[in-house]
Amino acid sequence: MKKIIALVLVALGAFAVYRKIQADRAELDLWTEATAASEN
């Protein structure tokens, strides 16, 4: 039972990191688009 709980916690942690990376990447894309548009 402890192994299952540990596995679930690891999976949730990995998912949280994945979501954070995706959000950061989306924000960077928006920032890049906004600054590139203002340069033209």
N, C-alpha and C. Protein backbone atom coordinates (compact mmCIF):
# COMPACT_ATOMS: atom_id res chain seq x y z
N MET A 1 0.82 -1.21 0.00
CA MET A 1 0.00 0.00 0.00
C MET A 1 0.86 1.26 0.00
N LYS A 2 1.94 1.24 0.76
CA LYS A 2 2.82 2.41 0.80
C LYS A 2 3.47 2.68 -0.55
N LYS A 3 3.75 1.60 -1.30
CA LYS A 3 4.36 1.78 -2.62
C LYS A 3 3.39 2.48 -3.57
N ILE A 4 2.12 2.13 -3.46
CA ILE A 4 1.12 2.76 -4.33
C ILE A 4 0.99 4.24 -4.01
N ILE A 5 0.95 4.58 -2.73
CA ILE A 5 0.86 5.98 -2.31
C ILE A 5 2.09 6.75 -2.79
N ALA A 6 3.26 6.16 -2.63
CA ALA A 6 4.49 6.81 -3.07
C ALA A 6 4.47 7.02 -4.59
N LEU A 7 4.00 6.04 -5.32
CA LEU A 7 3.92 6.15 -6.77
C LEU A 7 2.96 7.26 -7.19
N VAL A 8 1.82 7.35 -6.51
CA VAL A 8 0.85 8.40 -6.81
C VAL A 8 1.46 9.77 -6.52
N LEU A 9 2.17 9.91 -5.41
CA LEU A 9 2.79 11.18 -5.07
C LEU A 9 3.86 11.58 -6.09
N VAL A 10 4.64 10.63 -6.54
CA VAL A 10 5.65 10.91 -7.55
C VAL A 10 4.99 11.33 -8.86
N ALA A 11 3.91 10.64 -9.23
CA ALA A 11 3.21 10.99 -10.45
C ALA A 11 2.61 12.39 -10.36
N LEU A 12 2.02 12.73 -9.22
CA LEU A 12 1.47 14.08 -9.05
C LEU A 12 2.56 15.14 -9.10
N GLY A 13 3.70 14.85 -8.52
CA GLY A 13 4.82 15.79 -8.56
C GLY A 13 5.31 16.00 -9.99
N ALA A 14 5.43 14.92 -10.73
CA ALA A 14 5.87 15.02 -12.12
C ALA A 14 4.85 15.80 -12.95
N PHE A 15 3.58 15.57 -12.70
CA PHE A 15 2.54 16.30 -13.42
C PHE A 15 2.59 17.79 -13.10
N ALA A 16 2.82 18.11 -11.84
CA ALA A 16 2.90 19.52 -11.44
C ALA A 16 4.08 20.21 -12.12
N VAL A 17 5.21 19.53 -12.19
CA VAL A 17 6.39 20.09 -12.87
C VAL A 17 6.10 20.27 -14.36
N TYR A 18 5.46 19.29 -14.96
CA TYR A 18 5.11 19.38 -16.37
C TYR A 18 4.20 20.58 -16.64
N ARG A 19 3.19 20.76 -15.80
CA ARG A 19 2.27 21.89 -15.97
C ARG A 19 2.99 23.22 -15.81
N LYS A 20 3.92 23.29 -14.86
CA LYS A 20 4.68 24.52 -14.62
C LYS A 20 5.52 24.86 -15.85
N ILE A 21 6.17 23.86 -16.42
CA ILE A 21 6.99 24.07 -17.62
C ILE A 21 6.12 24.54 -18.78
N GLN A 22 4.94 23.93 -18.96
CA GLN A 22 4.05 24.33 -20.03
C GLN A 22 3.58 25.77 -19.85
N ALA A 23 3.26 26.15 -18.62
CA ALA A 23 2.79 27.51 -18.35
C ALA A 23 3.92 28.52 -18.61
N ASP A 24 5.12 28.19 -18.17
CA ASP A 24 6.26 29.08 -18.40
C ASP A 24 6.54 29.25 -19.89
N ARG A 25 6.44 28.16 -20.62
CA ARG A 25 6.68 28.21 -22.06
C ARG A 25 5.62 29.07 -22.76
N ALA A 26 4.36 28.92 -22.35
CA ALA A 26 3.29 29.72 -22.95
C ALA A 26 3.50 31.20 -22.65
N GLU A 27 3.90 31.51 -21.42
CA GLU A 27 4.13 32.91 -21.05
C GLU A 27 5.30 33.48 -21.85
N LEU A 28 6.34 32.70 -22.05
CA LEU A 28 7.49 33.16 -22.83
C LEU A 28 7.09 33.41 -24.28
N ASP A 29 6.26 32.53 -24.83
CA ASP A 29 5.78 32.73 -26.20
C ASP A 29 4.99 34.02 -26.32
N LEU A 30 4.10 34.29 -25.33
CA LEU A 30 3.33 35.52 -25.36
C LEU A 30 4.23 36.74 -25.26
N TRP A 31 5.22 36.66 -24.38
CA TRP A 31 6.15 37.78 -24.19
C TRP A 31 6.94 38.03 -25.47
N THR A 32 7.41 36.96 -26.09
CA THR A 32 8.18 37.08 -27.33
C THR A 32 7.32 37.70 -28.43
N GLU A 33 6.08 37.25 -28.53
CA GLU A 33 5.17 37.79 -29.55
C GLU A 33 4.89 39.27 -29.31
N ALA A 34 4.68 39.64 -28.06
CA ALA A 34 4.35 41.03 -27.74
C ALA A 34 5.55 41.95 -28.00
N THR A 35 6.74 41.53 -27.62
CA THR A 35 7.90 42.38 -27.82
C THR A 35 8.29 42.43 -29.29
N ALA A 36 8.11 41.35 -30.03
CA ALA A 36 8.44 41.35 -31.45
C ALA A 36 7.48 42.27 -32.21
N ALA A 37 6.23 42.29 -31.82
CA ALA A 37 5.25 43.15 -32.50
C ALA A 37 5.55 44.62 -32.27
N SER A 38 6.05 44.96 -31.10
CA SER A 38 6.30 46.37 -30.80
C SER A 38 7.58 46.87 -31.50
N GLU A 39 8.45 45.96 -31.88
CA GLU A 39 9.69 46.35 -32.55
C GLU A 39 9.46 46.74 -34.01
N ASN A 40 8.39 46.21 -34.61
CA ASN A 40 8.12 46.47 -36.03
C ASN A 40 7.48 47.77 -36.25
